[in-house]
Amino acid sequence: MRRTFLTVTTALALALPGVAGAKTLTISWWGFNGDKLDQFIVKPFQEKCGCELVFETGNNADRLNKVKIRDGKGVDVIYLTDSFSQIGVDEGLFQKIDPAKIPNLAGLHDIARDPQGGYGPAYTVGRIGIVYDGAKVQPITSWGDLWREDLKASVSLPGITTTAGPMVVVIAGEKAGTDAYADAGPAFEQIAALKGNVVKNYNTGSEMINLFSTGEVTVSLTQDFTLGRLRDAVPTIEWAQLVDGDIAVLNTVNIPKGAANVDLAHEFINFILDPALQKVLAENGVDAPVAKAVELSPEAAKGWTYGEAMINSLQRMDYARMNAAKSAWVDRWNEIFGM
């Protein structure tokens, strides 16, 4: 998930030369790593299908909202992180896939094959965990270590409206021995107890990295794609080896209910799950593979969420329950942190 941004006009067509009246597949995605995606996915798939790919770009929320406004029409395939694709599932915006039309599903890690009950698979996996400055902090080995007394005024938490923010509430509930979805009270008591360790909530990866580089914090939660930039800023940064496991972040592909080209959408999803392509994308710094057959060198695997042991150790979040609880959690979080 190391990415460079592609400057691309919304609904930009990348047509095959000389293919007049070609079939069109409309894809909603972020537009990151544009040159590499054009090289490894767009051009090869257009040659394979004799079709034209058209793109709608933007962030998760904006693109999902466009599909909602159009009542599931307008795009054939949509890329989203799993917290947002769960919203699409819950609101009835997507159709279930036909596994018979995506034979590469069978070769995926279990976590990626069917993450949301018959809807689209994950095409890559990342993780959220704890990072710390090993030159200043004793090793962190569990989520509960965030509450350690030696970490007073040392921690930055992700803001409650970020991807990882609501996960802190779930973690706090586990520390309290309760289910935060069913009863958030004990979880927020633990968050209040954690407040003394927290310097600041951050809202972007760049903000978090800056807090480390200026020495304002020595511990935080983050997604693994920030690790390289963090270590560039502070070479002594460590990724904590948590006995209770990091949290999985899946990027999914779904077919909206009003897709105009359903068969071609299935063909495209099968194409991006091909082990050979997944290997190329991983080796070129695009995405971590979810095809079990992919074998990477230690250098190519460095920084990725990769391998059966690592992937099987990840926790999953219940995004359906989290999305339902989030608005109430935001209010309680802001009361504690004075926002």
C-alpha atoms as a PDB file:
ATOM      1  CA  MET A   1       0.000   0.000   0.000  1.00  0.00           C
ATOM      2  CA  ARG A   2       2.953   2.298  -0.638  1.00  0.00           C
ATOM      3  CA  ARG A   3       1.510   4.664  -3.197  1.00  0.00           C
ATOM      4  CA  THR A   4       2.164   7.695  -5.351  1.00  0.00           C
ATOM      5  CA  PHE A   5      -0.811   9.724  -6.490  1.00  0.00           C
ATOM      6  CA  LEU A   6      -2.018   9.614 -10.071  1.00  0.00           C
ATOM      7  CA  THR A   7      -3.357  12.876 -11.398  1.00  0.00           C
ATOM      8  CA  VAL A   8      -6.356  11.678 -13.374  1.00  0.00           C
ATOM      9  CA  THR A   9      -9.554  13.343 -14.446  1.00  0.00           C
ATOM     10  CA  THR A  10     -12.746  11.808 -13.111  1.00  0.00           C
ATOM     11  CA  ALA A  11     -14.142   9.351 -15.644  1.00  0.00           C
ATOM     12  CA  LEU A  12     -10.936   9.399 -17.685  1.00  0.00           C
ATOM     13  CA  ALA A  13     -11.074   6.832 -20.494  1.00  0.00           C
ATOM     14  CA  LEU A  14      -7.932   4.889 -21.300  1.00  0.00           C
ATOM     15  CA  ALA A  15      -9.046   3.567 -24.694  1.00  0.00           C
ATOM     16  CA  LEU A  16      -7.271   0.974 -26.750  1.00  0.00           C
ATOM     17  CA  PRO A  17      -5.967   2.484 -29.986  1.00  0.00           C
ATOM     18  CA  GLY A  18      -8.085   1.466 -32.900  1.00  0.00           C
ATOM     19  CA  VAL A  19     -10.851  -0.198 -30.886  1.00  0.00           C
ATOM     20  CA  ALA A  20     -13.972   1.625 -31.937  1.00  0.00           C
ATOM     21  CA  GLY A  21     -17.129   0.930 -29.959  1.00  0.00           C
ATOM     22  CA  ALA A  22     -15.280  -1.344 -27.513  1.00  0.00           C
ATOM     23  CA  LYS A  23     -17.013  -2.669 -24.413  1.00  0.00           C
ATOM     24  CA  THR A  24     -16.594  -0.306 -21.476  1.00  0.00           C
ATOM     25  CA  LEU A  25     -15.847  -1.224 -17.873  1.00  0.00           C
ATOM     26  CA  THR A  26     -16.186   1.644 -15.388  1.00  0.00           C
ATOM     27  CA  ILE A  27     -14.014   1.346 -12.282  1.00  0.00           C
ATOM     28  CA  SER A  28     -14.186   3.453  -9.118  1.00  0.00           C
ATOM     29  CA  TRP A  29     -10.840   3.560  -7.295  1.00  0.00           C
ATOM     30  CA  TRP A  30      -8.406   5.900  -5.552  1.00  0.00           C
ATOM     31  CA  GLY A  31      -6.062   6.635  -8.458  1.00  0.00           C
ATOM     32  CA  PHE A  32      -2.880   5.918  -6.496  1.00  0.00           C
ATOM     33  CA  ASN A  33       0.207   4.358  -8.137  1.00  0.00           C
ATOM     34  CA  GLY A  34      -1.184   5.400 -11.477  1.00  0.00           C
ATOM     35  CA  ASP A  35       1.810   4.668 -13.712  1.00  0.00           C
ATOM     36  CA  LYS A  36       2.274   1.203 -12.245  1.00  0.00           C
ATOM     37  CA  LEU A  37      -1.419   0.352 -12.364  1.00  0.00           C
ATOM     38  CA  ASP A  38      -1.538   1.502 -15.980  1.00  0.00           C
ATOM     39  CA  GLN A  39       1.456  -0.705 -16.787  1.00  0.00           C
ATOM     40  CA  PHE A  40       0.484  -3.836 -14.881  1.00  0.00           C
ATOM     41  CA  ILE A  41      -3.334  -3.784 -14.785  1.00  0.00           C
ATOM     42  CA  VAL A  42      -4.981  -1.312 -17.165  1.00  0.00           C
ATOM     43  CA  LYS A  43      -3.133  -1.958 -20.416  1.00  0.00           C
ATOM     44  CA  PRO A  44      -2.856  -5.749 -20.007  1.00  0.00           C
ATOM     45  CA  PHE A  45      -6.542  -6.107 -19.124  1.00  0.00           C
ATOM     46  CA  GLN A  46      -7.649  -3.903 -22.012  1.00  0.00           C
ATOM     47  CA  GLU A  47      -5.607  -6.066 -24.377  1.00  0.00           C
ATOM     48  CA  LYS A  48      -7.076  -9.215 -22.852  1.00  0.00           C
ATOM     49  CA  CYS A  49     -10.726  -8.153 -22.928  1.00  0.00           C
ATOM     50  CA  GLY A  50     -10.709  -5.930 -26.021  1.00  0.00           C
ATOM     51  CA  CYS A  51     -12.466  -3.335 -23.894  1.00  0.00           C
ATOM     52  CA  GLU A  52     -12.067   0.207 -22.641  1.00  0.00           C
ATOM     53  CA  LEU A  53     -11.527   1.038 -18.952  1.00  0.00           C
ATOM     54  CA  VAL A  54     -13.072   4.231 -17.614  1.00  0.00           C
ATOM     55  CA  PHE A  55     -12.270   5.539 -14.136  1.00  0.00           C
ATOM     56  CA  GLU A  56     -13.941   7.493 -11.368  1.00  0.00           C
ATOM     57  CA  THR A  57     -11.464   8.572  -8.699  1.00  0.00           C
ATOM     58  CA  GLY A  58     -11.595  10.014  -5.196  1.00  0.00           C
ATOM     59  CA  ASN A  59     -11.566   8.975  -1.541  1.00  0.00           C
ATOM     60  CA  ASN A  60     -13.657   6.153  -0.055  1.00  0.00           C
ATOM     61  CA  ALA A  61     -16.471   8.312   1.291  1.00  0.00           C
ATOM     62  CA  ASP A  62     -16.941  10.443  -1.817  1.00  0.00           C
ATOM     63  CA  ARG A  63     -16.947   7.549  -4.244  1.00  0.00           C
ATOM     64  CA  LEU A  64     -19.274   5.413  -2.146  1.00  0.00           C
ATOM     65  CA  ASN A  65     -21.638   8.355  -1.782  1.00  0.00           C
ATOM     66  CA  LYS A  66     -21.769   8.758  -5.569  1.00  0.00           C
ATOM     67  CA  VAL A  67     -22.837   5.131  -5.917  1.00  0.00           C
ATOM     68  CA  LYS A  68     -25.483   5.681  -3.238  1.00  0.00           C
ATOM     69  CA  ILE A  69     -26.840   8.811  -4.946  1.00  0.00           C
ATOM     70  CA  ARG A  70     -27.070   6.856  -8.214  1.00  0.00           C
ATOM     71  CA  ASP A  71     -28.771   3.937  -6.422  1.00  0.00           C
ATOM     72  CA  GLY A  72     -25.981   1.496  -7.214  1.00  0.00           C
ATOM     73  CA  LYS A  73     -25.521   2.561 -10.826  1.00  0.00           C
ATOM     74  CA  GLY A  74     -22.735   4.302 -12.725  1.00  0.00           C
ATOM     75  CA  VAL A  75     -19.756   2.027 -12.046  1.00  0.00           C
ATOM     76  CA  ASP A  76     -19.098  -1.680 -12.592  1.00  0.00           C
ATOM     77  CA  VAL A  77     -16.361  -2.285 -10.003  1.00  0.00           C
ATOM     78  CA  ILE A  78     -15.585  -0.283  -6.866  1.00  0.00           C
ATOM     79  CA  TYR A  79     -12.425  -0.424  -4.752  1.00  0.00           C
ATOM     80  CA  LEU A  80     -12.947   0.386  -1.047  1.00  0.00           C
ATOM     81  CA  THR A  81     -11.394  -0.328   2.331  1.00  0.00           C
ATOM     82  CA  ASP A  82     -13.414  -2.881   4.268  1.00  0.00           C
ATOM     83  CA  SER A  83     -14.964  -0.394   6.696  1.00  0.00           C
ATOM     84  CA  PHE A  84     -16.511   1.471   3.744  1.00  0.00           C
ATOM     85  CA  SER A  85     -17.433  -1.610   1.717  1.00  0.00           C
ATOM     86  CA  GLN A  86     -19.333  -2.835   4.786  1.00  0.00           C
ATOM     87  CA  ILE A  87     -21.427   0.341   4.594  1.00  0.00           C
ATOM     88  CA  GLY A  88     -22.160  -0.463   0.965  1.00  0.00           C
ATOM     89  CA  VAL A  89     -23.163  -4.012   1.899  1.00  0.00           C
ATOM     90  CA  ASP A  90     -25.369  -2.836   4.779  1.00  0.00           C
ATOM     91  CA  GLU A  91     -27.098  -0.246   2.578  1.00  0.00           C
ATOM     92  CA  GLY A  92     -27.775  -2.730  -0.217  1.00  0.00           C
ATOM     93  CA  LEU A  93     -25.574  -0.995  -2.793  1.00  0.00           C
ATOM     94  CA  PHE A  94     -23.673  -4.085  -3.966  1.00  0.00           C
ATOM     95  CA  GLN A  95     -24.594  -7.416  -5.495  1.00  0.00           C
ATOM     96  CA  LYS A  96     -23.174 -10.734  -4.401  1.00  0.00           C
ATOM     97  CA  ILE A  97     -20.477 -12.124  -6.640  1.00  0.00           C
ATOM     98  CA  ASP A  98     -20.635 -15.411  -8.544  1.00  0.00           C
ATOM     99  CA  PRO A  99     -17.625 -17.461  -7.345  1.00  0.00           C
ATOM    100  CA  ALA A 100     -17.842 -19.664 -10.428  1.00  0.00           C
ATOM    101  CA  LYS A 101     -16.868 -16.624 -12.513  1.00  0.00           C
ATOM    102  CA  ILE A 102     -13.834 -15.844 -10.314  1.00  0.00           C
ATOM    103  CA  PRO A 103     -11.780 -19.063 -10.194  1.00  0.00           C
ATOM    104  CA  ASN A 104      -8.806 -17.273  -8.600  1.00  0.00           C
ATOM    105  CA  LEU A 105     -10.884 -16.905  -5.408  1.00  0.00           C
ATOM    106  CA  ALA A 106     -10.004 -20.480  -4.498  1.00  0.00           C
ATOM    107  CA  GLY A 107      -6.325 -19.590  -4.184  1.00  0.00           C
ATOM    108  CA  LEU A 108      -6.724 -16.689  -1.742  1.00  0.00           C
ATOM    109  CA  HIS A 109      -6.002 -16.634   1.950  1.00  0.00           C
ATOM    110  CA  ASP A 110      -9.190 -17.267   3.922  1.00  0.00           C
ATOM    111  CA  ILE A 111      -9.285 -13.694   5.239  1.00  0.00           C
ATOM    112  CA  ALA A 112      -9.516 -12.340   1.673  1.00  0.00           C
ATOM    113  CA  ARG A 113     -11.773 -14.867  -0.044  1.00  0.00           C
ATOM    114  CA  ASP A 114     -15.123 -13.876   1.470  1.00  0.00           C
ATOM    115  CA  PRO A 115     -14.674 -11.126   4.055  1.00  0.00           C
ATOM    116  CA  GLN A 116     -18.253  -9.781   4.004  1.00  0.00           C
ATOM    117  CA  GLY A 117     -20.651 -12.628   3.413  1.00  0.00           C
ATOM    118  CA  GLY A 118     -20.773 -13.397  -0.281  1.00  0.00           C
ATOM    119  CA  TYR A 119     -19.795  -9.967  -1.585  1.00  0.00           C
ATOM    120  CA  GLY A 120     -16.498  -8.914  -3.160  1.00  0.00           C
ATOM    121  CA  PRO A 121     -13.124 -10.304  -2.073  1.00  0.00           C
ATOM    122  CA  ALA A 122     -10.112  -8.456  -0.730  1.00  0.00           C
ATOM    123  CA  TYR A 123      -7.346  -7.974  -3.283  1.00  0.00           C
ATOM    124  CA  THR A 124      -4.754  -6.877  -0.711  1.00  0.00           C
ATOM    125  CA  VAL A 125      -4.290  -6.874   3.049  1.00  0.00           C
ATOM    126  CA  GLY A 126      -2.595  -4.515   5.477  1.00  0.00           C
ATOM    127  CA  ARG A 127      -2.483  -4.227   9.249  1.00  0.00           C
ATOM    128  CA  ILE A 128      -2.833  -1.705  12.014  1.00  0.00           C
ATOM    129  CA  GLY A 129      -0.512  -2.065  14.969  1.00  0.00           C
ATOM    130  CA  ILE A 130       1.636  -0.144  17.421  1.00  0.00           C
ATOM    131  CA  VAL A 131       4.864   1.633  16.512  1.00  0.00           C
ATOM    132  CA  TYR A 132       7.360   2.962  19.046  1.00  0.00           C
ATOM    133  CA  ASP A 133      10.790   4.554  19.221  1.00  0.00           C
ATOM    134  CA  GLY A 134      13.014   1.688  20.338  1.00  0.00           C
ATOM    135  CA  ALA A 135      15.720   4.120  21.479  1.00  0.00           C
ATOM    136  CA  LYS A 136      13.373   5.660  24.056  1.00  0.00           C
ATOM    137  CA  VAL A 137      10.747   3.034  24.900  1.00  0.00           C
ATOM    138  CA  GLN A 138      10.942  -0.464  26.331  1.00  0.00           C
ATOM    139  CA  PRO A 139       9.500  -3.087  23.960  1.00  0.00           C
ATOM    140  CA  ILE A 140       5.732  -3.063  23.568  1.00  0.00           C
ATOM    141  CA  THR A 141       4.237  -6.548  23.356  1.00  0.00           C
ATOM    142  CA  SER A 142       0.462  -6.140  23.756  1.00  0.00           C
ATOM    143  CA  TRP A 143      -2.326  -3.630  23.142  1.00  0.00           C
ATOM    144  CA  GLY A 144      -2.648  -3.239  26.909  1.00  0.00           C
ATOM    145  CA  ASP A 145       0.867  -1.779  27.065  1.00  0.00           C
ATOM    146  CA  LEU A 146      -0.575   1.520  25.827  1.00  0.00           C
ATOM    147  CA  TRP A 147      -1.709   2.061  29.428  1.00  0.00           C
ATOM    148  CA  ARG A 148       1.784   1.548  30.920  1.00  0.00           C
ATOM    149  CA  GLU A 149       2.845   4.179  33.460  1.00  0.00           C
ATOM    150  CA  ASP A 150       6.201   4.706  31.726  1.00  0.00           C
ATOM    151  CA  LEU A 151       4.351   5.979  28.645  1.00  0.00           C
ATOM    152  CA  LYS A 152       2.883   9.042  30.340  1.00  0.00           C
ATOM    153  CA  ALA A 153       2.659  11.952  27.848  1.00  0.00           C
ATOM    154  CA  SER A 154       4.234   9.793  25.139  1.00  0.00           C
ATOM    155  CA  VAL A 155       1.382   8.456  22.986  1.00  0.00           C
ATOM    156  CA  SER A 156      -0.508   9.734  19.958  1.00  0.00           C
ATOM    157  CA  LEU A 157      -3.840   8.075  19.198  1.00  0.00           C
ATOM    158  CA  PRO A 158      -5.597   8.173  15.832  1.00  0.00           C
ATOM    159  CA  GLY A 159      -8.594  10.499  15.892  1.00  0.00           C
ATOM    160  CA  ILE A 160     -11.956   8.830  16.379  1.00  0.00           C
ATOM    161  CA  THR A 161     -13.073   9.667  12.827  1.00  0.00           C
ATOM    162  CA  THR A 162     -10.024   7.996  11.210  1.00  0.00           C
ATOM    163  CA  THR A 163      -9.929   4.352  10.133  1.00  0.00           C
ATOM    164  CA  ALA A 164      -8.086   3.236  13.266  1.00  0.00           C
ATOM    165  CA  GLY A 165      -9.761   5.539  15.816  1.00  0.00           C
ATOM    166  CA  PRO A 166     -12.835   3.388  16.555  1.00  0.00           C
ATOM    167  CA  MET A 167     -10.536   0.385  16.938  1.00  0.00           C
ATOM    168  CA  VAL A 168      -9.135   2.004  20.088  1.00  0.00           C
ATOM    169  CA  VAL A 169     -12.617   1.769  21.636  1.00  0.00           C
ATOM    170  CA  VAL A 170     -12.758  -1.961  20.843  1.00  0.00           C
ATOM    171  CA  ILE A 171      -9.267  -2.446  22.305  1.00  0.00           C
ATOM    172  CA  ALA A 172     -10.239  -0.517  25.436  1.00  0.00           C
ATOM    173  CA  GLY A 173     -13.326  -2.698  25.786  1.00  0.00           C
ATOM    174  CA  GLU A 174     -11.160  -5.806  25.627  1.00  0.00           C
ATOM    175  CA  LYS A 175      -8.922  -4.367  28.343  1.00  0.00           C
ATOM    176  CA  ALA A 176     -12.024  -3.752  30.459  1.00  0.00           C
ATOM    177  CA  GLY A 177     -13.239  -7.285  29.791  1.00  0.00           C
ATOM    178  CA  THR A 178     -16.404  -6.159  28.004  1.00  0.00           C
ATOM    179  CA  ASP A 179     -17.875  -5.952  24.517  1.00  0.00           C
ATOM    180  CA  ALA A 180     -17.625  -2.274  23.538  1.00  0.00           C
ATOM    181  CA  TYR A 181     -20.393  -2.689  20.967  1.00  0.00           C
ATOM    182  CA  ALA A 182     -22.864  -3.952  23.571  1.00  0.00           C
ATOM    183  CA  ASP A 183     -21.728  -1.699  26.444  1.00  0.00           C
ATOM    184  CA  ALA A 184     -19.284   1.089  25.643  1.00  0.00           C
ATOM    185  CA  GLY A 185     -19.217   2.495  29.195  1.00  0.00           C
ATOM    186  CA  PRO A 186     -16.305   0.393  30.552  1.00  0.00           C
ATOM    187  CA  ALA A 187     -14.352   0.943  27.330  1.00  0.00           C
ATOM    188  CA  PHE A 188     -14.582   4.715  27.680  1.00  0.00           C
ATOM    189  CA  GLU A 189     -13.589   4.470  31.340  1.00  0.00           C
ATOM    190  CA  GLN A 190     -10.398   2.810  30.105  1.00  0.00           C
ATOM    191  CA  ILE A 191      -9.922   5.515  27.455  1.00  0.00           C
ATOM    192  CA  ALA A 192     -10.288   8.158  30.168  1.00  0.00           C
ATOM    193  CA  ALA A 193      -7.615   6.314  32.148  1.00  0.00           C
ATOM    194  CA  LEU A 194      -5.392   6.338  29.066  1.00  0.00           C
ATOM    195  CA  LYS A 195      -5.733  10.091  28.570  1.00  0.00           C
ATOM    196  CA  GLY A 196      -2.682  10.882  30.715  1.00  0.00           C
ATOM    197  CA  ASN A 197      -0.488   8.978  28.288  1.00  0.00           C
ATOM    198  CA  VAL A 198      -1.912  10.759  25.231  1.00  0.00           C
ATOM    199  CA  VAL A 199      -0.231  13.866  23.876  1.00  0.00           C
ATOM    200  CA  LYS A 200      -2.475  14.347  20.861  1.00  0.00           C
ATOM    201  CA  ASN A 201      -4.942  12.672  18.524  1.00  0.00           C
ATOM    202  CA  TYR A 202      -3.719  12.692  14.931  1.00  0.00           C
ATOM    203  CA  ASN A 203      -5.866  12.740  11.791  1.00  0.00           C
ATOM    204  CA  THR A 204      -3.357  12.051   8.998  1.00  0.00           C
ATOM    205  CA  GLY A 205      -0.306   9.865   8.622  1.00  0.00           C
ATOM    206  CA  SER A 206       1.847  12.909   7.936  1.00  0.00           C
ATOM    207  CA  GLU A 207       0.750  14.495  11.193  1.00  0.00           C
ATOM    208  CA  MET A 208       1.636  11.336  13.121  1.00  0.00           C
ATOM    209  CA  ILE A 209       5.066  11.098  11.491  1.00  0.00           C
ATOM    210  CA  ASN A 210       5.754  14.746  12.337  1.00  0.00           C
ATOM    211  CA  LEU A 211       4.924  14.098  16.007  1.00  0.00           C
ATOM    212  CA  PHE A 212       7.585  11.372  16.079  1.00  0.00           C
ATOM    213  CA  SER A 213      10.176  13.416  14.193  1.00  0.00           C
ATOM    214  CA  THR A 214       9.853  16.352  16.595  1.00  0.00           C
ATOM    215  CA  GLY A 215      10.073  14.042  19.621  1.00  0.00           C
ATOM    216  CA  GLU A 216       6.615  14.967  20.895  1.00  0.00           C
ATOM    217  CA  VAL A 217       5.543  11.321  20.969  1.00  0.00           C
ATOM    218  CA  THR A 218       7.314   7.963  21.075  1.00  0.00           C
ATOM    219  CA  VAL A 219       4.348   5.597  20.616  1.00  0.00           C
ATOM    220  CA  SER A 220       1.359   5.465  18.268  1.00  0.00           C
ATOM    221  CA  LEU A 221      -1.062   3.271  16.332  1.00  0.00           C
ATOM    222  CA  THR A 222      -0.728   3.223  12.574  1.00  0.00           C
ATOM    223  CA  GLN A 223      -1.231   1.233   9.389  1.00  0.00           C
ATOM    224  CA  ASP A 224       1.792  -0.617   8.060  1.00  0.00           C
ATOM    225  CA  PHE A 225       2.133   1.433   4.859  1.00  0.00           C
ATOM    226  CA  THR A 226       3.422   4.371   6.965  1.00  0.00           C
ATOM    227  CA  LEU A 227       6.328   2.361   8.406  1.00  0.00           C
ATOM    228  CA  GLY A 228       8.849   3.226   5.706  1.00  0.00           C
ATOM    229  CA  ARG A 229       8.249   6.957   5.993  1.00  0.00           C
ATOM    230  CA  LEU A 230       8.333   6.723   9.775  1.00  0.00           C
ATOM    231  CA  ARG A 231      11.719   5.024   9.714  1.00  0.00           C
ATOM    232  CA  ASP A 232      13.013   7.604   7.252  1.00  0.00           C
ATOM    233  CA  ALA A 233      12.127  10.266   9.842  1.00  0.00           C
ATOM    234  CA  VAL A 234      13.154   8.277  12.934  1.00  0.00           C
ATOM    235  CA  PRO A 235      15.404   5.272  12.121  1.00  0.00           C
ATOM    236  CA  THR A 236      14.895   3.713  15.579  1.00  0.00           C
ATOM    237  CA  ILE A 237      11.151   3.154  15.033  1.00  0.00           C
ATOM    238  CA  GLU A 238      10.020  -0.409  15.807  1.00  0.00           C
ATOM    239  CA  TRP A 239       6.846  -2.244  14.821  1.00  0.00           C
ATOM    240  CA  ALA A 240       5.553  -3.883  18.014  1.00  0.00           C
ATOM    241  CA  GLN A 241       5.245  -7.672  18.013  1.00  0.00           C
ATOM    242  CA  LEU A 242       1.881  -7.978  19.765  1.00  0.00           C
ATOM    243  CA  VAL A 243       0.957 -11.276  21.392  1.00  0.00           C
ATOM    244  CA  ASP A 244      -2.722 -10.414  20.872  1.00  0.00           C
ATOM    245  CA  GLY A 245      -2.239  -9.682  17.169  1.00  0.00           C
ATOM    246  CA  ASP A 246      -2.360  -6.704  14.812  1.00  0.00           C
ATOM    247  CA  ILE A 247      -5.670  -5.670  13.208  1.00  0.00           C
ATOM    248  CA  ALA A 248      -6.374  -6.520   9.577  1.00  0.00           C
ATOM    249  CA  VAL A 249      -7.202  -3.800   7.057  1.00  0.00           C
ATOM    250  CA  LEU A 250      -8.588  -5.183   3.805  1.00  0.00           C
ATOM    251  CA  ASN A 251      -9.010  -3.418   0.483  1.00  0.00           C
ATOM    252  CA  THR A 252     -11.988  -4.948  -1.305  1.00  0.00           C
ATOM    253  CA  VAL A 253     -13.490  -4.949  -4.802  1.00  0.00           C
ATOM    254  CA  ASN A 254     -17.265  -5.061  -5.236  1.00  0.00           C
ATOM    255  CA  ILE A 255     -19.804  -4.988  -8.038  1.00  0.00           C
ATOM    256  CA  PRO A 256     -22.535  -2.359  -7.448  1.00  0.00           C
ATOM    257  CA  LYS A 257     -26.102  -3.571  -7.832  1.00  0.00           C
ATOM    258  CA  GLY A 258     -26.683  -1.413 -10.929  1.00  0.00           C
ATOM    259  CA  ALA A 259     -23.491  -2.389 -12.762  1.00  0.00           C
ATOM    260  CA  ALA A 260     -23.978  -2.403 -16.524  1.00  0.00           C
ATOM    261  CA  ASN A 261     -21.263  -4.984 -17.265  1.00  0.00           C
ATOM    262  CA  VAL A 262     -21.487  -7.671 -14.614  1.00  0.00           C
ATOM    263  CA  ASP A 263     -19.710 -10.456 -16.511  1.00  0.00           C
ATOM    264  CA  LEU A 264     -16.834  -8.155 -17.453  1.00  0.00           C
ATOM    265  CA  ALA A 265     -16.641  -6.990 -13.820  1.00  0.00           C
ATOM    266  CA  HIS A 266     -16.208 -10.601 -12.693  1.00  0.00           C
ATOM    267  CA  GLU A 267     -13.524 -11.081 -15.336  1.00  0.00           C
ATOM    268  CA  PHE A 268     -11.660  -8.004 -14.091  1.00  0.00           C
ATOM    269  CA  ILE A 269     -11.799  -9.120 -10.448  1.00  0.00           C
ATOM    270  CA  ASN A 270     -10.477 -12.544 -11.426  1.00  0.00           C
ATOM    271  CA  PHE A 271      -7.679 -10.830 -13.391  1.00  0.00           C
ATOM    272  CA  ILE A 272      -6.407  -8.773 -10.418  1.00  0.00           C
ATOM    273  CA  LEU A 273      -6.426 -11.881  -8.184  1.00  0.00           C
ATOM    274  CA  ASP A 274      -4.156 -13.850 -10.506  1.00  0.00           C
ATOM    275  CA  PRO A 275      -1.101 -14.993  -8.487  1.00  0.00           C
ATOM    276  CA  ALA A 276       1.357 -13.953 -11.193  1.00  0.00           C
ATOM    277  CA  LEU A 277      -0.034 -10.424 -11.264  1.00  0.00           C
ATOM    278  CA  GLN A 278      -0.229 -10.251  -7.464  1.00  0.00           C
ATOM    279  CA  LYS A 279       3.469 -11.155  -7.311  1.00  0.00           C
ATOM    280  CA  VAL A 280       4.401  -8.447  -9.825  1.00  0.00           C
ATOM    281  CA  LEU A 281       2.383  -5.822  -7.935  1.00  0.00           C
ATOM    282  CA  ALA A 282       4.028  -6.747  -4.629  1.00  0.00           C
ATOM    283  CA  GLU A 283       7.530  -6.719  -6.110  1.00  0.00           C
ATOM    284  CA  ASN A 284       6.880  -3.274  -7.596  1.00  0.00           C
ATOM    285  CA  GLY A 285       5.640  -1.701  -4.364  1.00  0.00           C
ATOM    286  CA  VAL A 286       1.946  -1.528  -5.247  1.00  0.00           C
ATOM    287  CA  ASP A 287       0.044  -3.908  -2.950  1.00  0.00           C
ATOM    288  CA  ALA A 288       0.586  -6.849  -0.627  1.00  0.00           C
ATOM    289  CA  PRO A 289      -0.544 -10.155  -2.162  1.00  0.00           C
ATOM    290  CA  VAL A 290      -3.501 -12.204  -0.916  1.00  0.00           C
ATOM    291  CA  ALA A 291      -2.956 -15.151  -3.289  1.00  0.00           C
ATOM    292  CA  LYS A 292      -1.436 -17.988  -1.295  1.00  0.00           C
ATOM    293  CA  ALA A 293       0.715 -19.143  -4.213  1.00  0.00           C
ATOM    294  CA  VAL A 294       2.730 -15.895  -4.272  1.00  0.00           C
ATOM    295  CA  GLU A 295       6.293 -16.346  -3.050  1.00  0.00           C
ATOM    296  CA  LEU A 296       8.329 -13.220  -2.362  1.00  0.00           C
ATOM    297  CA  SER A 297      11.987 -12.796  -1.546  1.00  0.00           C
ATOM    298  CA  PRO A 298      12.720 -11.412   1.936  1.00  0.00           C
ATOM    299  CA  GLU A 299      13.546  -8.063   0.359  1.00  0.00           C
ATOM    300  CA  ALA A 300      10.332  -7.937  -1.685  1.00  0.00           C
ATOM    301  CA  ALA A 301       8.264  -9.025   1.335  1.00  0.00           C
ATOM    302  CA  LYS A 302       9.799  -6.385   3.598  1.00  0.00           C
ATOM    303  CA  GLY A 303       7.133  -4.003   4.858  1.00  0.00           C
ATOM    304  CA  TRP A 304       4.195  -6.013   3.491  1.00  0.00           C
ATOM    305  CA  THR A 305       1.587  -7.935   5.424  1.00  0.00           C
ATOM    306  CA  TYR A 306       2.667 -11.197   3.838  1.00  0.00           C
ATOM    307  CA  GLY A 307       2.729 -14.912   4.525  1.00  0.00           C
ATOM    308  CA  GLU A 308       0.276 -17.363   6.056  1.00  0.00           C
ATOM    309  CA  ALA A 309       1.575 -17.043   9.633  1.00  0.00           C
ATOM    310  CA  MET A 310       1.345 -13.239   9.678  1.00  0.00           C
ATOM    311  CA  ILE A 311      -2.027 -13.085   7.924  1.00  0.00           C
ATOM    312  CA  ASN A 312      -3.579 -15.761  10.141  1.00  0.00           C
ATOM    313  CA  SER A 313      -2.468 -13.872  13.258  1.00  0.00           C
ATOM    314  CA  LEU A 314      -4.497 -10.759  12.381  1.00  0.00           C
ATOM    315  CA  GLN A 315      -7.623  -9.680  14.246  1.00  0.00           C
ATOM    316  CA  ARG A 316     -10.737  -8.716  12.272  1.00  0.00           C
ATOM    317  CA  MET A 317     -13.043  -5.858  13.207  1.00  0.00           C
ATOM    318  CA  ASP A 318     -16.841  -6.258  13.088  1.00  0.00           C
ATOM    319  CA  TYR A 319     -17.479  -3.251  10.873  1.00  0.00           C
ATOM    320  CA  ALA A 320     -21.227  -3.737  10.745  1.00  0.00           C
ATOM    321  CA  ARG A 321     -21.435  -3.252  14.519  1.00  0.00           C
ATOM    322  CA  MET A 322     -18.709  -0.611  14.526  1.00  0.00           C
ATOM    323  CA  ASN A 323     -20.419   1.517  11.886  1.00  0.00           C
ATOM    324  CA  ALA A 324     -23.679   1.346  13.848  1.00  0.00           C
ATOM    325  CA  ALA A 325     -21.956   2.434  17.074  1.00  0.00           C
ATOM    326  CA  LYS A 326     -19.558   5.016  15.684  1.00  0.00           C
ATOM    327  CA  SER A 327     -21.643   8.196  16.011  1.00  0.00           C
ATOM    328  CA  ALA A 328     -22.254   7.625  19.719  1.00  0.00           C
ATOM    329  CA  TRP A 329     -18.581   6.778  20.218  1.00  0.00           C
ATOM    330  CA  VAL A 330     -17.507  10.027  18.550  1.00  0.00           C
ATOM    331  CA  ASP A 331     -19.454  12.073  21.101  1.00  0.00           C
ATOM    332  CA  ARG A 332     -18.022  10.186  24.082  1.00  0.00           C
ATOM    333  CA  TRP A 333     -14.477  10.319  22.702  1.00  0.00           C
ATOM    334  CA  ASN A 334     -14.709  14.070  22.173  1.00  0.00           C
ATOM    335  CA  GLU A 335     -15.937  14.575  25.744  1.00  0.00           C
ATOM    336  CA  ILE A 336     -12.787  12.864  27.053  1.00  0.00           C
ATOM    337  CA  PHE A 337     -10.333  14.655  24.792  1.00  0.00           C
ATOM    338  CA  GLY A 338     -12.062  18.030  24.905  1.00  0.00           C
ATOM    339  CA  MET A 339     -12.881  18.321  21.218  1.00  0.00           C
END
